[in-house]
Amino acid sequence: MEKALRYAFAVWIRIGRYVQDGRFNIDNNLMEQAIRPITLGRKNYLFCGNNEGAENNAIFYTFMACCREAGIEPYKWMKEVLSRSLPDMTEEELTKMLPSNFK
């Protein structure tokens, strides 16, 4: 009981925000579902070979989760992005290629 009360007091401000403002969700289930495939494979990522490989995996899976969130087919998005000359693009052009801005 003590552990539960300590937790409740630690998050009391957030609980108050939830009760006072109906825009706040009581949980973050949508985000947890989006990252579930990433966390399920976490043990496999230990064998990326090196830190650079692990970082590349993290970037790749982040893009895939962003595509899914934006309602874009990841394969189509990646095919379109990789068919362009990315090193020659400006920062503004690269920003337009992000899944959330992609059309």
C-alpha atoms as a PDB file:
ATOM      1  CA  MET A   1       0.000   0.000   0.000  1.00  0.00           C
ATOM      2  CA  GLU A   2       2.864   2.337   0.844  1.00  0.00           C
ATOM      3  CA  LYS A   3       4.404   1.796  -2.601  1.00  0.00           C
ATOM      4  CA  ALA A   4       1.105   2.643  -4.313  1.00  0.00           C
ATOM      5  CA  LEU A   5       0.644   5.795  -2.243  1.00  0.00           C
ATOM      6  CA  ARG A   6       4.198   6.963  -2.922  1.00  0.00           C
ATOM      7  CA  TYR A   7       3.603   6.509  -6.644  1.00  0.00           C
ATOM      8  CA  ALA A   8       0.262   8.366  -6.499  1.00  0.00           C
ATOM      9  CA  PHE A   9       1.845  11.324  -4.694  1.00  0.00           C
ATOM     10  CA  ALA A  10       4.772  11.364  -7.146  1.00  0.00           C
ATOM     11  CA  VAL A  11       2.408  11.744 -10.133  1.00  0.00           C
ATOM     12  CA  TRP A  12      -0.260  13.827  -8.377  1.00  0.00           C
ATOM     13  CA  ILE A  13       0.239  16.894 -10.606  1.00  0.00           C
ATOM     14  CA  ARG A  14      -0.199  14.777 -13.759  1.00  0.00           C
ATOM     15  CA  ILE A  15      -3.306  13.125 -12.308  1.00  0.00           C
ATOM     16  CA  GLY A  16      -4.729  16.572 -11.614  1.00  0.00           C
ATOM     17  CA  ARG A  17      -4.100  17.668 -15.197  1.00  0.00           C
ATOM     18  CA  TYR A  18      -5.887  14.597 -16.496  1.00  0.00           C
ATOM     19  CA  VAL A  19      -8.929  15.220 -14.299  1.00  0.00           C
ATOM     20  CA  GLN A  20      -9.144  18.951 -15.105  1.00  0.00           C
ATOM     21  CA  ASP A  21      -8.524  18.784 -18.869  1.00  0.00           C
ATOM     22  CA  GLY A  22     -10.373  16.198 -20.962  1.00  0.00           C
ATOM     23  CA  ARG A  23      -7.821  16.409 -23.787  1.00  0.00           C
ATOM     24  CA  PHE A  24      -5.299  14.359 -21.822  1.00  0.00           C
ATOM     25  CA  ASN A  25      -5.423  10.581 -22.232  1.00  0.00           C
ATOM     26  CA  ILE A  26      -5.139   8.423 -19.138  1.00  0.00           C
ATOM     27  CA  ASP A  27      -2.579   6.193 -20.866  1.00  0.00           C
ATOM     28  CA  ASN A  28      -0.212   6.236 -23.801  1.00  0.00           C
ATOM     29  CA  ASN A  29      -1.411   2.975 -25.322  1.00  0.00           C
ATOM     30  CA  LEU A  30      -1.117   4.238 -28.922  1.00  0.00           C
ATOM     31  CA  MET A  31       2.580   4.997 -28.470  1.00  0.00           C
ATOM     32  CA  GLU A  32       3.184   1.716 -26.664  1.00  0.00           C
ATOM     33  CA  GLN A  33       1.612  -0.168 -29.565  1.00  0.00           C
ATOM     34  CA  ALA A  34       3.759   1.764 -32.055  1.00  0.00           C
ATOM     35  CA  ILE A  35       7.010   0.811 -30.335  1.00  0.00           C
ATOM     36  CA  ARG A  36       6.051  -2.777 -29.452  1.00  0.00           C
ATOM     37  CA  PRO A  37       7.826  -4.317 -32.499  1.00  0.00           C
ATOM     38  CA  ILE A  38      10.965  -2.410 -31.572  1.00  0.00           C
ATOM     39  CA  THR A  39      10.956  -3.529 -27.967  1.00  0.00           C
ATOM     40  CA  LEU A  40      10.170  -7.140 -28.852  1.00  0.00           C
ATOM     41  CA  GLY A  41      13.356  -7.351 -30.887  1.00  0.00           C
ATOM     42  CA  ARG A  42      15.526  -5.577 -28.353  1.00  0.00           C
ATOM     43  CA  LYS A  43      17.586  -8.671 -27.526  1.00  0.00           C
ATOM     44  CA  ASN A  44      18.358  -9.136 -31.209  1.00  0.00           C
ATOM     45  CA  TYR A  45      19.680  -5.592 -31.434  1.00  0.00           C
ATOM     46  CA  LEU A  46      22.453  -6.480 -29.009  1.00  0.00           C
ATOM     47  CA  PHE A  47      24.127  -8.235 -31.923  1.00  0.00           C
ATOM     48  CA  CYS A  48      24.296  -5.274 -34.320  1.00  0.00           C
ATOM     49  CA  GLY A  49      28.058  -5.552 -34.413  1.00  0.00           C
ATOM     50  CA  ASN A  50      28.902  -2.078 -33.155  1.00  0.00           C
ATOM     51  CA  ASN A  51      27.388   1.184 -31.956  1.00  0.00           C
ATOM     52  CA  GLU A  52      27.027   2.559 -35.477  1.00  0.00           C
ATOM     53  CA  GLY A  53      25.007  -0.490 -36.535  1.00  0.00           C
ATOM     54  CA  ALA A  54      22.752  -0.119 -33.505  1.00  0.00           C
ATOM     55  CA  GLU A  55      22.214   3.585 -34.239  1.00  0.00           C
ATOM     56  CA  ASN A  56      21.383   2.794 -37.874  1.00  0.00           C
ATOM     57  CA  ASN A  57      18.838   0.194 -36.724  1.00  0.00           C
ATOM     58  CA  ALA A  58      17.261   2.712 -34.359  1.00  0.00           C
ATOM     59  CA  ILE A  59      16.966   5.291 -37.155  1.00  0.00           C
ATOM     60  CA  PHE A  60      15.467   2.742 -39.543  1.00  0.00           C
ATOM     61  CA  TYR A  61      12.855   1.520 -37.062  1.00  0.00           C
ATOM     62  CA  THR A  62      11.993   5.107 -36.099  1.00  0.00           C
ATOM     63  CA  PHE A  63      11.266   5.925 -39.744  1.00  0.00           C
ATOM     64  CA  MET A  64       9.124   2.798 -40.079  1.00  0.00           C
ATOM     65  CA  ALA A  65       7.100   3.686 -36.968  1.00  0.00           C
ATOM     66  CA  CYS A  66       6.676   7.264 -38.264  1.00  0.00           C
ATOM     67  CA  CYS A  67       5.422   5.930 -41.625  1.00  0.00           C
ATOM     68  CA  ARG A  68       2.900   3.732 -39.885  1.00  0.00           C
ATOM     69  CA  GLU A  69       1.735   6.633 -37.716  1.00  0.00           C
ATOM     70  CA  ALA A  70       1.337   8.892 -40.784  1.00  0.00           C
ATOM     71  CA  GLY A  71      -0.581   6.183 -42.679  1.00  0.00           C
ATOM     72  CA  ILE A  72       2.112   5.805 -45.336  1.00  0.00           C
ATOM     73  CA  GLU A  73       3.263   2.482 -46.787  1.00  0.00           C
ATOM     74  CA  PRO A  74       6.881   2.226 -45.511  1.00  0.00           C
ATOM     75  CA  TYR A  75       8.141   0.378 -48.594  1.00  0.00           C
ATOM     76  CA  LYS A  76       6.749   3.012 -50.979  1.00  0.00           C
ATOM     77  CA  TRP A  77       8.121   5.828 -48.826  1.00  0.00           C
ATOM     78  CA  MET A  78      11.587   4.311 -48.621  1.00  0.00           C
ATOM     79  CA  LYS A  79      11.659   3.513 -52.354  1.00  0.00           C
ATOM     80  CA  GLU A  80      10.715   7.118 -53.174  1.00  0.00           C
ATOM     81  CA  VAL A  81      13.199   8.652 -50.735  1.00  0.00           C
ATOM     82  CA  LEU A  82      16.126   6.444 -51.748  1.00  0.00           C
ATOM     83  CA  SER A  83      15.510   7.089 -55.463  1.00  0.00           C
ATOM     84  CA  ARG A  84      16.393  10.754 -54.949  1.00  0.00           C
ATOM     85  CA  SER A  85      19.808  12.335 -54.578  1.00  0.00           C
ATOM     86  CA  LEU A  86      19.701  13.033 -50.840  1.00  0.00           C
ATOM     87  CA  PRO A  87      23.208  14.515 -50.407  1.00  0.00           C
ATOM     88  CA  ASP A  88      22.352  17.293 -52.892  1.00  0.00           C
ATOM     89  CA  MET A  89      19.123  18.322 -51.133  1.00  0.00           C
ATOM     90  CA  THR A  90      18.712  21.335 -48.919  1.00  0.00           C
ATOM     91  CA  GLU A  91      17.532  20.967 -45.335  1.00  0.00           C
ATOM     92  CA  GLU A  92      14.066  22.214 -46.346  1.00  0.00           C
ATOM     93  CA  GLU A  93      13.797  19.579 -49.099  1.00  0.00           C
ATOM     94  CA  LEU A  94      14.907  16.843 -46.699  1.00  0.00           C
ATOM     95  CA  THR A  95      12.301  17.963 -44.170  1.00  0.00           C
ATOM     96  CA  LYS A  96       9.616  17.557 -46.832  1.00  0.00           C
ATOM     97  CA  MET A  97      10.730  13.939 -47.287  1.00  0.00           C
ATOM     98  CA  LEU A  98      10.034  12.998 -43.651  1.00  0.00           C
ATOM     99  CA  PRO A  99       7.087  10.614 -43.293  1.00  0.00           C
ATOM    100  CA  SER A 100       4.934  13.192 -41.492  1.00  0.00           C
ATOM    101  CA  ASN A 101       5.361  15.679 -44.375  1.00  0.00           C
ATOM    102  CA  PHE A 102       5.450  13.199 -47.260  1.00  0.00           C
ATOM    103  CA  LYS A 103       2.699  13.277 -49.903  1.00  0.00           C
END
